[in-house]
C-alpha atoms as a PDB file:
ATOM      1  CA  GLY A   1      61.948 104.050  50.168  1.00  0.00           C
ATOM      2  CA  TYR A   2      60.541 102.916  53.470  1.00  0.00           C
ATOM      3  CA  ASP A   3      57.130 104.199  54.485  1.00  0.00           C
ATOM      4  CA  PRO A   4      55.265 102.393  57.300  1.00  0.00           C
ATOM      5  CA  LYS A   5      51.967 103.605  55.831  1.00  0.00           C
ATOM      6  CA  ARG A   6      52.640 101.393  52.801  1.00  0.00           C
ATOM      7  CA  SER A   7      52.568  98.238  54.917  1.00  0.00           C
ATOM      8  CA  ARG A   8      49.594  96.090  53.948  1.00  0.00           C
ATOM      9  CA  VAL A   9      49.952  93.703  56.872  1.00  0.00           C
ATOM     10  CA  SER A  10      47.036  93.759  59.303  1.00  0.00           C
ATOM     11  CA  GLU A  11      47.527  95.194  62.769  1.00  0.00           C
ATOM     12  CA  GLY A  12      46.550  91.821  64.224  1.00  0.00           C
ATOM     13  CA  THR A  13      49.240  89.962  62.263  1.00  0.00           C
ATOM     14  CA  MET A  14      51.830  92.559  63.227  1.00  0.00           C
ATOM     15  CA  ALA A  15      50.785  92.397  66.904  1.00  0.00           C
ATOM     16  CA  ASP A  16      50.987  88.582  66.869  1.00  0.00           C
ATOM     17  CA  PHE A  17      54.554  88.784  65.521  1.00  0.00           C
ATOM     18  CA  GLN A  18      55.524  91.348  68.155  1.00  0.00           C
ATOM     19  CA  ARG A  19      54.257  89.085  70.974  1.00  0.00           C
ATOM     20  CA  ALA A  20      55.652  85.812  69.623  1.00  0.00           C
ATOM     21  CA  THR A  21      59.033  84.274  70.310  1.00  0.00           C
ATOM     22  CA  ILE A  22      61.302  84.211  67.264  1.00  0.00           C
ATOM     23  CA  SER A  23      61.442  80.620  66.027  1.00  0.00           C
ATOM     24  CA  GLY A  24      63.954  81.245  63.264  1.00  0.00           C
ATOM     25  CA  ASP A  25      61.613  80.311  60.415  1.00  0.00           C
ATOM     26  CA  LEU A  26      61.516  83.293  58.031  1.00  0.00           C
ATOM     27  CA  ILE A  27      57.840  82.677  57.227  1.00  0.00           C
ATOM     28  CA  GLU A  28      57.042  84.074  60.704  1.00  0.00           C
ATOM     29  CA  VAL A  29      58.037  87.589  59.561  1.00  0.00           C
ATOM     30  CA  PRO A  30      54.999  89.532  58.311  1.00  0.00           C
ATOM     31  CA  GLY A  31      55.440  90.342  54.628  1.00  0.00           C
ATOM     32  CA  LEU A  32      57.773  87.438  53.870  1.00  0.00           C
ATOM     33  CA  GLY A  33      56.365  84.673  51.702  1.00  0.00           C
ATOM     34  CA  PRO A  34      57.907  81.646  49.964  1.00  0.00           C
ATOM     35  CA  ALA A  35      59.174  83.612  46.932  1.00  0.00           C
ATOM     36  CA  ALA A  36      60.867  86.273  49.070  1.00  0.00           C
ATOM     37  CA  ILE A  37      62.387  83.637  51.351  1.00  0.00           C
ATOM     38  CA  LYS A  38      63.844  81.850  48.327  1.00  0.00           C
ATOM     39  CA  LYS A  39      65.406  85.112  47.108  1.00  0.00           C
ATOM     40  CA  MET A  40      66.911  85.831  50.522  1.00  0.00           C
ATOM     41  CA  SER A  41      68.454  82.391  50.828  1.00  0.00           C
ATOM     42  CA  SER A  42      69.977  82.297  47.349  1.00  0.00           C
ATOM     43  CA  SER A  43      73.296  84.007  46.811  1.00  0.00           C
ATOM     44  CA  SER A  44      76.618  83.018  45.311  1.00  0.00           C
ATOM     45  CA  ASP A  45      78.221  84.397  48.482  1.00  0.00           C
ATOM     46  CA  ASP A  46      77.395  82.289  51.543  1.00  0.00           C
ATOM     47  CA  ASP A  47      77.905  85.350  53.784  1.00  0.00           C
ATOM     48  CA  GLU A  48      75.007  87.090  52.001  1.00  0.00           C
ATOM     49  CA  LYS A  49      72.521  84.233  52.406  1.00  0.00           C
ATOM     50  CA  VAL A  50      69.738  84.832  54.904  1.00  0.00           C
ATOM     51  CA  THR A  51      68.112  81.530  55.815  1.00  0.00           C
ATOM     52  CA  ASN A  52      66.505  82.289  59.185  1.00  0.00           C
ATOM     53  CA  THR A  53      64.948  85.108  61.179  1.00  0.00           C
ATOM     54  CA  PHE A  54      68.008  85.444  63.412  1.00  0.00           C
ATOM     55  CA  GLN A  55      70.189  86.231  60.386  1.00  0.00           C
ATOM     56  CA  LEU A  56      67.597  88.739  59.149  1.00  0.00           C
ATOM     57  CA  VAL A  57      67.630  90.473  62.540  1.00  0.00           C
ATOM     58  CA  GLY A  58      71.442  90.398  62.418  1.00  0.00           C
ATOM     59  CA  LYS A  59      71.439  92.083  59.013  1.00  0.00           C
ATOM     60  CA  PHE A  60      68.999  94.689  60.313  1.00  0.00           C
ATOM     61  CA  LEU A  61      71.319  95.419  63.244  1.00  0.00           C
ATOM     62  CA  MET A  62      74.437  95.542  61.028  1.00  0.00           C
ATOM     63  CA  LEU A  63      72.814  98.261  58.938  1.00  0.00           C
ATOM     64  CA  LYS A  64      72.544 100.451  62.054  1.00  0.00           C
ATOM     65  CA  GLY A  65      76.134 101.505  61.339  1.00  0.00           C
ATOM     66  CA  PRO A  66      78.796 102.339  60.692  1.00  0.00           C
ATOM     67  CA  ASP A  67      78.983 105.465  62.814  1.00  0.00           C
ATOM     68  CA  GLU A  68      81.836 107.583  61.489  1.00  0.00           C
ATOM     69  CA  ASP A  69      83.315 111.010  62.224  1.00  0.00           C
ATOM     70  CA  GLY A  70      80.363 112.534  63.996  1.00  0.00           C
ATOM     71  CA  HIS A  71      77.787 110.848  61.736  1.00  0.00           C
ATOM     72  CA  LYS A  72      75.512 108.445  63.579  1.00  0.00           C
ATOM     73  CA  VAL A  73      73.045 106.260  61.679  1.00  0.00           C
ATOM     74  CA  GLU A  74      69.707 107.405  63.094  1.00  0.00           C
ATOM     75  CA  SER A  75      66.376 105.573  62.880  1.00  0.00           C
ATOM     76  CA  ASN A  76      65.157 107.006  59.571  1.00  0.00           C
ATOM     77  CA  GLU A  77      68.425 106.340  57.710  1.00  0.00           C
ATOM     78  CA  HIS A  78      68.590 102.868  59.282  1.00  0.00           C
ATOM     79  CA  MET A  79      65.101 101.963  58.014  1.00  0.00           C
ATOM     80  CA  GLN A  80      65.945 103.244  54.519  1.00  0.00           C
ATOM     81  CA  LYS A  81      69.150 101.168  54.466  1.00  0.00           C
ATOM     82  CA  PHE A  82      67.244  98.005  55.442  1.00  0.00           C
ATOM     83  CA  TRP A  83      64.488  98.712  52.869  1.00  0.00           C
ATOM     84  CA  HIS A  84      67.099  99.172  50.114  1.00  0.00           C
ATOM     85  CA  TRP A  85      68.981  96.042  51.218  1.00  0.00           C
ATOM     86  CA  LEU A  86      65.744  94.062  50.832  1.00  0.00           C
ATOM     87  CA  ALA A  87      65.345  95.559  47.335  1.00  0.00           C
ATOM     88  CA  GLU A  88      68.917  94.493  46.482  1.00  0.00           C
ATOM     89  CA  LYS A  89      68.019  90.952  47.564  1.00  0.00           C
ATOM     90  CA  GLY A  90      65.221  91.045  44.961  1.00  0.00           C
ATOM     91  CA  ILE A  91      62.354  91.496  47.411  1.00  0.00           C
ATOM     92  CA  SER A  92      59.798  93.474  45.434  1.00  0.00           C
ATOM     93  CA  SER A  93      56.678  93.119  47.564  1.00  0.00           C
ATOM     94  CA  HIS A  94      55.903  94.074  51.156  1.00  0.00           C
ATOM     95  CA  ARG A  95      59.324  95.633  51.862  1.00  0.00           C
ATOM     96  CA  SER A  96      57.817  98.308  54.115  1.00  0.00           C
ATOM     97  CA  ALA A  97      55.921  95.621  56.064  1.00  0.00           C
ATOM     98  CA  ILE A  98      59.086  93.589  56.560  1.00  0.00           C
ATOM     99  CA  VAL A  99      61.025  96.657  57.733  1.00  0.00           C
ATOM    100  CA  LEU A 100      58.203  97.658  60.083  1.00  0.00           C
ATOM    101  CA  ALA A 101      57.902  94.155  61.552  1.00  0.00           C
ATOM    102  CA  ILE A 102      61.615  93.754  62.270  1.00  0.00           C
ATOM    103  CA  ALA A 103      62.028  97.365  63.451  1.00  0.00           C
ATOM    104  CA  GLU A 104      59.140  97.151  65.917  1.00  0.00           C
ATOM    105  CA  LYS A 105      60.280  93.740  67.158  1.00  0.00           C
ATOM    106  CA  MET A 106      63.805  95.033  67.776  1.00  0.00           C
ATOM    107  CA  ASN A 107      62.485  98.217  69.371  1.00  0.00           C
ATOM    108  CA  THR A 108      60.883  96.091  72.113  1.00  0.00           C
ATOM    109  CA  MET A 109      64.356  94.698  72.915  1.00  0.00           C
ATOM    110  CA  MET A 110      66.351  97.858  72.209  1.00  0.00           C
ATOM    111  CA  PRO A 111      64.101 100.859  72.799  1.00  0.00           C
ATOM    112  CA  GLY A 112      64.992 103.733  70.514  1.00  0.00           C
ATOM    113  CA  ILE A 113      66.333 101.696  67.600  1.00  0.00           C
ATOM    114  CA  TYR A 114      63.103 102.542  65.744  1.00  0.00           C
ATOM    115  CA  ASP A 115      61.284 105.838  66.072  1.00  0.00           C
ATOM    116  CA  PRO A 116      57.768 105.677  64.609  1.00  0.00           C
ATOM    117  CA  SER A 117      57.324 109.405  65.226  1.00  0.00           C
ATOM    118  CA  ASP A 118      59.695 109.997  62.290  1.00  0.00           C
ATOM    119  CA  TYR A 119      56.790 109.006  60.067  1.00  0.00           C
ATOM    120  CA  ASP A 120      53.949 110.979  61.682  1.00  0.00           C
ATOM    121  CA  ASP A 121      52.063 113.288  59.368  1.00  0.00           C
ATOM    122  CA  ASP A 122      53.226 116.881  59.713  1.00  0.00           C
ATOM    123  CA  GLU A 123      49.858 118.155  58.522  1.00  0.00           C
ATOM    124  CA  GLU A 124      47.210 118.998  61.085  1.00  0.00           C
END
């Protein structure tokens, strides 16, 4: 599952993405390359195709729910759901980097949607 420590994207690349305006081109997302983009955009169901960064962000936000009967999808569960969705799309490399990039980007717009303290080491 998702572990931000498994991201192999440099801090500089991640910081550049956080500062940049979303253009819509999936290649702007750290961790996404041509092979992954092809997998995301190919599906027999048009509703499952992700062809731009806005749709990827939309999918990320959709996985924040559903909240049902006293159960609220918290940050950790949300990140796991997005990581597993990427796996279902056939993305086999850099999933943690992709989750981290989108989560941090969205957290600048919606503070609290991602809680990096969930992944702090408990050991002292």
